[in-house]
Amino acid sequence: MAEIQELTNYLRGFVAAREWEGYHTPENLAKSISIEAGELLECFQWDCVATDSDKAKAEMADVLIYLIMMADVMGIDLVKAAWAKIASNSARYPVEKAKGNCKKAE
């Protein structure tokens, strides 16, 4: 958790030094996440295994960076949100019903 806060603090300074705060709206950051996720998907476009793991790693980092910045702008604690989502998924997909089954819960 301290590592996410450390990244958040660094990114705040990085953005402030460049006076980019006005561009980092939730909408713009969400678009950036989607764009970078698309670039990550490109790494797997023709193969089931990434042909360039360094490129995939860089694109994953881009997604994470934009996600951290979006959470910061929106005042969301990503770790708490992730644990809440895991708890929700655990209730929605109990092992006895979901094991070996990829169907979406209704």
N, C-alpha and C. Protein backbone atom coordinates (compact mmCIF):
# COMPACT_ATOMS: atom_id res chain seq x y z
N MET A 1 0.82 -1.19 0.00
CA MET A 1 0.00 0.00 0.00
C MET A 1 0.87 1.25 0.00
N ALA A 2 1.94 1.22 0.71
CA ALA A 2 2.85 2.36 0.75
C ALA A 2 3.41 2.64 -0.64
N GLU A 3 3.60 1.59 -1.43
CA GLU A 3 4.14 1.77 -2.77
C GLU A 3 3.17 2.53 -3.67
N ILE A 4 1.87 2.25 -3.55
CA ILE A 4 0.89 3.00 -4.35
C ILE A 4 0.89 4.46 -3.92
N GLN A 5 0.97 4.73 -2.62
CA GLN A 5 1.00 6.12 -2.16
C GLN A 5 2.27 6.81 -2.64
N GLU A 6 3.38 6.09 -2.63
CA GLU A 6 4.64 6.66 -3.12
C GLU A 6 4.53 7.01 -4.60
N LEU A 7 3.96 6.12 -5.39
CA LEU A 7 3.74 6.40 -6.81
C LEU A 7 2.80 7.59 -6.99
N THR A 8 1.72 7.62 -6.22
CA THR A 8 0.76 8.73 -6.30
C THR A 8 1.45 10.05 -6.02
N ASN A 9 2.23 10.10 -4.96
CA ASN A 9 2.93 11.33 -4.61
C ASN A 9 3.91 11.76 -5.70
N TYR A 10 4.63 10.81 -6.24
CA TYR A 10 5.57 11.12 -7.31
C TYR A 10 4.83 11.66 -8.53
N LEU A 11 3.73 10.99 -8.91
CA LEU A 11 2.97 11.41 -10.08
C LEU A 11 2.36 12.80 -9.89
N ARG A 12 1.92 13.11 -8.68
CA ARG A 12 1.41 14.47 -8.40
C ARG A 12 2.48 15.51 -8.73
N GLY A 13 3.69 15.27 -8.25
CA GLY A 13 4.79 16.19 -8.51
C GLY A 13 5.16 16.26 -9.98
N PHE A 14 5.16 15.12 -10.64
CA PHE A 14 5.47 15.04 -12.07
C PHE A 14 4.48 15.89 -12.87
N VAL A 15 3.19 15.73 -12.56
CA VAL A 15 2.13 16.46 -13.26
C VAL A 15 2.21 17.95 -12.92
N ALA A 16 2.39 18.28 -11.64
CA ALA A 16 2.45 19.68 -11.22
C ALA A 16 3.62 20.42 -11.87
N ALA A 17 4.77 19.79 -11.96
CA ALA A 17 5.95 20.42 -12.55
C ALA A 17 5.70 20.80 -14.01
N ARG A 18 4.83 20.07 -14.67
CA ARG A 18 4.53 20.31 -16.08
C ARG A 18 3.24 21.10 -16.29
N GLU A 19 2.58 21.44 -15.16
CA GLU A 19 1.31 22.16 -15.19
C GLU A 19 0.27 21.46 -16.06
N TRP A 20 0.12 20.15 -15.82
CA TRP A 20 -0.82 19.33 -16.59
C TRP A 20 -2.12 19.07 -15.82
N GLU A 21 -2.25 19.61 -14.62
CA GLU A 21 -3.42 19.30 -13.80
C GLU A 21 -4.74 19.55 -14.55
N GLY A 22 -4.80 20.62 -15.31
CA GLY A 22 -6.02 20.96 -16.03
C GLY A 22 -6.43 19.93 -17.08
N TYR A 23 -5.47 19.16 -17.53
CA TYR A 23 -5.75 18.12 -18.54
C TYR A 23 -6.17 16.80 -17.89
N HIS A 24 -5.88 16.65 -16.62
CA HIS A 24 -6.10 15.37 -15.95
C HIS A 24 -7.46 15.31 -15.28
N THR A 25 -8.49 15.43 -16.10
CA THR A 25 -9.86 15.27 -15.61
C THR A 25 -10.16 13.77 -15.57
N PRO A 26 -11.14 13.35 -14.77
CA PRO A 26 -11.50 11.93 -14.77
C PRO A 26 -11.81 11.41 -16.18
N GLU A 27 -12.51 12.22 -16.97
CA GLU A 27 -12.85 11.79 -18.34
C GLU A 27 -11.59 11.57 -19.18
N ASN A 28 -10.67 12.53 -19.15
CA ASN A 28 -9.45 12.39 -19.95
C ASN A 28 -8.59 11.22 -19.47
N LEU A 29 -8.53 11.03 -18.16
CA LEU A 29 -7.74 9.91 -17.63
C LEU A 29 -8.39 8.58 -17.97
N ALA A 30 -9.72 8.51 -17.95
CA ALA A 30 -10.42 7.28 -18.34
C ALA A 30 -10.14 6.97 -19.81
N LYS A 31 -10.14 7.98 -20.64
CA LYS A 31 -9.82 7.78 -22.06
C LYS A 31 -8.39 7.24 -22.20
N SER A 32 -7.48 7.83 -21.44
CA SER A 32 -6.08 7.41 -21.51
C SER A 32 -5.91 5.97 -21.06
N ILE A 33 -6.63 5.57 -20.03
CA ILE A 33 -6.58 4.17 -19.57
C ILE A 33 -7.04 3.25 -20.69
N SER A 34 -8.14 3.61 -21.33
CA SER A 34 -8.67 2.78 -22.41
C SER A 34 -7.70 2.70 -23.59
N ILE A 35 -7.11 3.82 -23.94
CA ILE A 35 -6.15 3.84 -25.04
C ILE A 35 -4.95 2.96 -24.72
N GLU A 36 -4.42 3.10 -23.52
CA GLU A 36 -3.25 2.30 -23.14
C GLU A 36 -3.60 0.81 -23.03
N ALA A 37 -4.82 0.50 -22.57
CA ALA A 37 -5.25 -0.90 -22.51
C ALA A 37 -5.34 -1.47 -23.92
N GLY A 38 -5.78 -0.66 -24.88
CA GLY A 38 -5.81 -1.08 -26.28
C GLY A 38 -4.41 -1.36 -26.80
N GLU A 39 -3.46 -0.52 -26.41
CA GLU A 39 -2.07 -0.74 -26.82
C GLU A 39 -1.51 -2.01 -26.19
N LEU A 40 -1.92 -2.31 -24.97
CA LEU A 40 -1.53 -3.57 -24.33
C LEU A 40 -2.10 -4.75 -25.12
N LEU A 41 -3.34 -4.65 -25.50
CA LEU A 41 -3.99 -5.71 -26.27
C LEU A 41 -3.28 -5.95 -27.60
N GLU A 42 -2.74 -4.89 -28.20
CA GLU A 42 -2.00 -5.02 -29.45
C GLU A 42 -0.83 -6.01 -29.31
N CYS A 43 -0.27 -6.08 -28.12
CA CYS A 43 0.86 -6.99 -27.89
C CYS A 43 0.45 -8.45 -28.11
N PHE A 44 -0.84 -8.72 -28.04
CA PHE A 44 -1.35 -10.09 -28.17
C PHE A 44 -2.20 -10.26 -29.43
N GLN A 45 -2.15 -9.29 -30.33
CA GLN A 45 -3.07 -9.26 -31.46
C GLN A 45 -3.02 -10.52 -32.31
N TRP A 46 -1.87 -11.02 -32.63
CA TRP A 46 -1.80 -12.16 -33.54
C TRP A 46 -1.31 -13.44 -32.89
N ASP A 47 -0.92 -13.36 -31.66
CA ASP A 47 -0.44 -14.53 -30.93
C ASP A 47 -1.13 -14.60 -29.58
N CYS A 48 -1.18 -15.79 -29.00
CA CYS A 48 -1.76 -15.91 -27.66
C CYS A 48 -0.73 -15.56 -26.60
N VAL A 49 0.52 -15.41 -27.00
CA VAL A 49 1.58 -15.01 -26.08
C VAL A 49 2.17 -13.70 -26.59
N ALA A 50 2.41 -12.78 -25.70
CA ALA A 50 2.97 -11.50 -26.13
C ALA A 50 4.30 -11.74 -26.84
N THR A 51 4.43 -11.15 -28.01
CA THR A 51 5.66 -11.32 -28.78
C THR A 51 6.78 -10.44 -28.24
N ASP A 52 6.44 -9.40 -27.53
CA ASP A 52 7.43 -8.48 -26.98
C ASP A 52 7.06 -8.18 -25.53
N SER A 53 7.65 -8.93 -24.61
CA SER A 53 7.27 -8.77 -23.20
C SER A 53 7.66 -7.40 -22.66
N ASP A 54 8.71 -6.78 -23.19
CA ASP A 54 9.08 -5.44 -22.75
C ASP A 54 8.01 -4.43 -23.14
N LYS A 55 7.45 -4.57 -24.34
CA LYS A 55 6.37 -3.69 -24.79
C LYS A 55 5.13 -3.90 -23.92
N ALA A 56 4.79 -5.15 -23.65
CA ALA A 56 3.63 -5.45 -22.79
C ALA A 56 3.83 -4.86 -21.41
N LYS A 57 5.02 -4.99 -20.86
CA LYS A 57 5.33 -4.44 -19.54
C LYS A 57 5.17 -2.92 -19.54
N ALA A 58 5.65 -2.26 -20.57
CA ALA A 58 5.53 -0.80 -20.66
C ALA A 58 4.06 -0.37 -20.75
N GLU A 59 3.27 -1.11 -21.52
CA GLU A 59 1.84 -0.76 -21.65
C GLU A 59 1.09 -1.01 -20.35
N MET A 60 1.43 -2.10 -19.64
CA MET A 60 0.81 -2.34 -18.33
C MET A 60 1.15 -1.21 -17.37
N ALA A 61 2.38 -0.73 -17.42
CA ALA A 61 2.79 0.38 -16.56
C ALA A 61 1.99 1.63 -16.90
N ASP A 62 1.78 1.89 -18.19
CA ASP A 62 0.98 3.05 -18.59
C ASP A 62 -0.44 2.97 -18.03
N VAL A 63 -1.05 1.79 -18.13
CA VAL A 63 -2.41 1.60 -17.59
C VAL A 63 -2.41 1.88 -16.08
N LEU A 64 -1.45 1.33 -15.37
CA LEU A 64 -1.37 1.52 -13.92
C LEU A 64 -1.16 2.99 -13.57
N ILE A 65 -0.28 3.66 -14.27
CA ILE A 65 -0.01 5.07 -13.98
C ILE A 65 -1.27 5.91 -14.16
N TYR A 66 -1.96 5.72 -15.27
CA TYR A 66 -3.18 6.50 -15.49
C TYR A 66 -4.26 6.14 -14.48
N LEU A 67 -4.34 4.87 -14.10
CA LEU A 67 -5.33 4.46 -13.11
C LEU A 67 -5.05 5.10 -11.75
N ILE A 68 -3.79 5.11 -11.36
CA ILE A 68 -3.41 5.75 -10.10
C ILE A 68 -3.74 7.24 -10.14
N MET A 69 -3.44 7.89 -11.26
CA MET A 69 -3.73 9.32 -11.37
C MET A 69 -5.23 9.58 -11.34
N MET A 70 -6.02 8.74 -11.99
CA MET A 70 -7.47 8.92 -11.99
C MET A 70 -8.03 8.73 -10.58
N ALA A 71 -7.58 7.70 -9.89
CA ALA A 71 -8.04 7.47 -8.52
C ALA A 71 -7.69 8.65 -7.63
N ASP A 72 -6.50 9.20 -7.81
CA ASP A 72 -6.07 10.34 -7.01
C ASP A 72 -6.97 11.55 -7.27
N VAL A 73 -7.23 11.85 -8.53
CA VAL A 73 -8.08 12.98 -8.90
C VAL A 73 -9.50 12.81 -8.34
N MET A 74 -9.97 11.57 -8.30
CA MET A 74 -11.34 11.30 -7.85
C MET A 74 -11.43 11.01 -6.35
N GLY A 75 -10.28 10.97 -5.67
CA GLY A 75 -10.28 10.71 -4.23
C GLY A 75 -10.64 9.28 -3.87
N ILE A 76 -10.26 8.34 -4.71
CA ILE A 76 -10.58 6.93 -4.50
C ILE A 76 -9.34 6.20 -4.00
N ASP A 77 -9.50 5.44 -2.94
CA ASP A 77 -8.45 4.57 -2.41
C ASP A 77 -8.52 3.27 -3.20
N LEU A 78 -7.59 3.07 -4.12
CA LEU A 78 -7.63 1.90 -5.00
C LEU A 78 -7.54 0.58 -4.24
N VAL A 79 -6.74 0.53 -3.22
CA VAL A 79 -6.60 -0.71 -2.46
C VAL A 79 -7.91 -1.06 -1.77
N LYS A 80 -8.54 -0.09 -1.12
CA LYS A 80 -9.84 -0.34 -0.49
C LYS A 80 -10.89 -0.72 -1.53
N ALA A 81 -10.88 -0.05 -2.67
CA ALA A 81 -11.85 -0.35 -3.73
C ALA A 81 -11.64 -1.76 -4.26
N ALA A 82 -10.38 -2.17 -4.40
CA ALA A 82 -10.08 -3.52 -4.88
C ALA A 82 -10.56 -4.58 -3.88
N TRP A 83 -10.29 -4.36 -2.59
CA TRP A 83 -10.74 -5.32 -1.58
C TRP A 83 -12.27 -5.39 -1.53
N ALA A 84 -12.94 -4.24 -1.69
CA ALA A 84 -14.41 -4.24 -1.70
C ALA A 84 -14.93 -5.02 -2.91
N LYS A 85 -14.29 -4.86 -4.06
CA LYS A 85 -14.70 -5.58 -5.27
C LYS A 85 -14.45 -7.08 -5.12
N ILE A 86 -13.34 -7.44 -4.51
CA ILE A 86 -13.04 -8.85 -4.27
C ILE A 86 -14.10 -9.46 -3.35
N ALA A 87 -14.48 -8.74 -2.31
CA ALA A 87 -15.53 -9.23 -1.39
C ALA A 87 -16.85 -9.41 -2.14
N SER A 88 -17.19 -8.46 -2.98
CA SER A 88 -18.41 -8.53 -3.78
C SER A 88 -18.37 -9.73 -4.72
N ASN A 89 -17.24 -9.92 -5.40
CA ASN A 89 -17.10 -11.06 -6.31
C ASN A 89 -17.13 -12.39 -5.58
N SER A 90 -16.57 -12.42 -4.38
CA SER A 90 -16.60 -13.65 -3.59
C SER A 90 -18.03 -14.04 -3.23
N ALA A 91 -18.84 -13.04 -2.91
CA ALA A 91 -20.25 -13.32 -2.59
C ALA A 91 -21.03 -13.70 -3.85
N ARG A 92 -20.71 -13.04 -4.94
CA ARG A 92 -21.42 -13.28 -6.20
C ARG A 92 -21.04 -14.61 -6.84
N TYR A 93 -19.79 -15.02 -6.65
CA TYR A 93 -19.27 -16.25 -7.25
C TYR A 93 -18.69 -17.17 -6.18
N PRO A 94 -19.54 -17.77 -5.33
CA PRO A 94 -19.02 -18.70 -4.32
C PRO A 94 -18.36 -19.90 -5.02
N VAL A 95 -17.32 -20.42 -4.41
CA VAL A 95 -16.56 -21.51 -5.00
C VAL A 95 -17.46 -22.66 -5.42
N GLU A 96 -18.39 -23.04 -4.56
CA GLU A 96 -19.23 -24.20 -4.85
C GLU A 96 -20.11 -24.02 -6.10
N LYS A 97 -20.38 -22.79 -6.47
CA LYS A 97 -21.19 -22.54 -7.67
C LYS A 97 -20.35 -22.15 -8.88
N ALA A 98 -19.20 -21.55 -8.66
CA ALA A 98 -18.42 -20.99 -9.75
C ALA A 98 -17.24 -21.86 -10.21
N LYS A 99 -16.83 -22.82 -9.39
CA LYS A 99 -15.65 -23.62 -9.71
C LYS A 99 -15.80 -24.32 -11.05
N GLY A 100 -14.88 -24.06 -11.96
CA GLY A 100 -14.89 -24.69 -13.27
C GLY A 100 -15.97 -24.16 -14.20
N ASN A 101 -16.61 -23.06 -13.84
CA ASN A 101 -17.72 -22.51 -14.60
C ASN A 101 -17.42 -21.06 -14.93
N CYS A 102 -17.42 -20.70 -16.20
CA CYS A 102 -17.08 -19.33 -16.57
C CYS A 102 -18.31 -18.47 -16.87
N LYS A 103 -19.49 -18.98 -16.56
CA LYS A 103 -20.69 -18.22 -16.82
C LYS A 103 -20.80 -17.05 -15.85
N LYS A 104 -21.30 -15.94 -16.38
CA LYS A 104 -21.47 -14.75 -15.56
C LYS A 104 -22.67 -14.94 -14.64
N ALA A 105 -22.52 -14.50 -13.39
CA ALA A 105 -23.60 -14.58 -12.42
C ALA A 105 -24.72 -13.63 -12.82
N GLU A 106 -25.92 -14.00 -12.51
CA GLU A 106 -27.06 -13.13 -12.82
C GLU A 106 -27.50 -12.36 -11.61
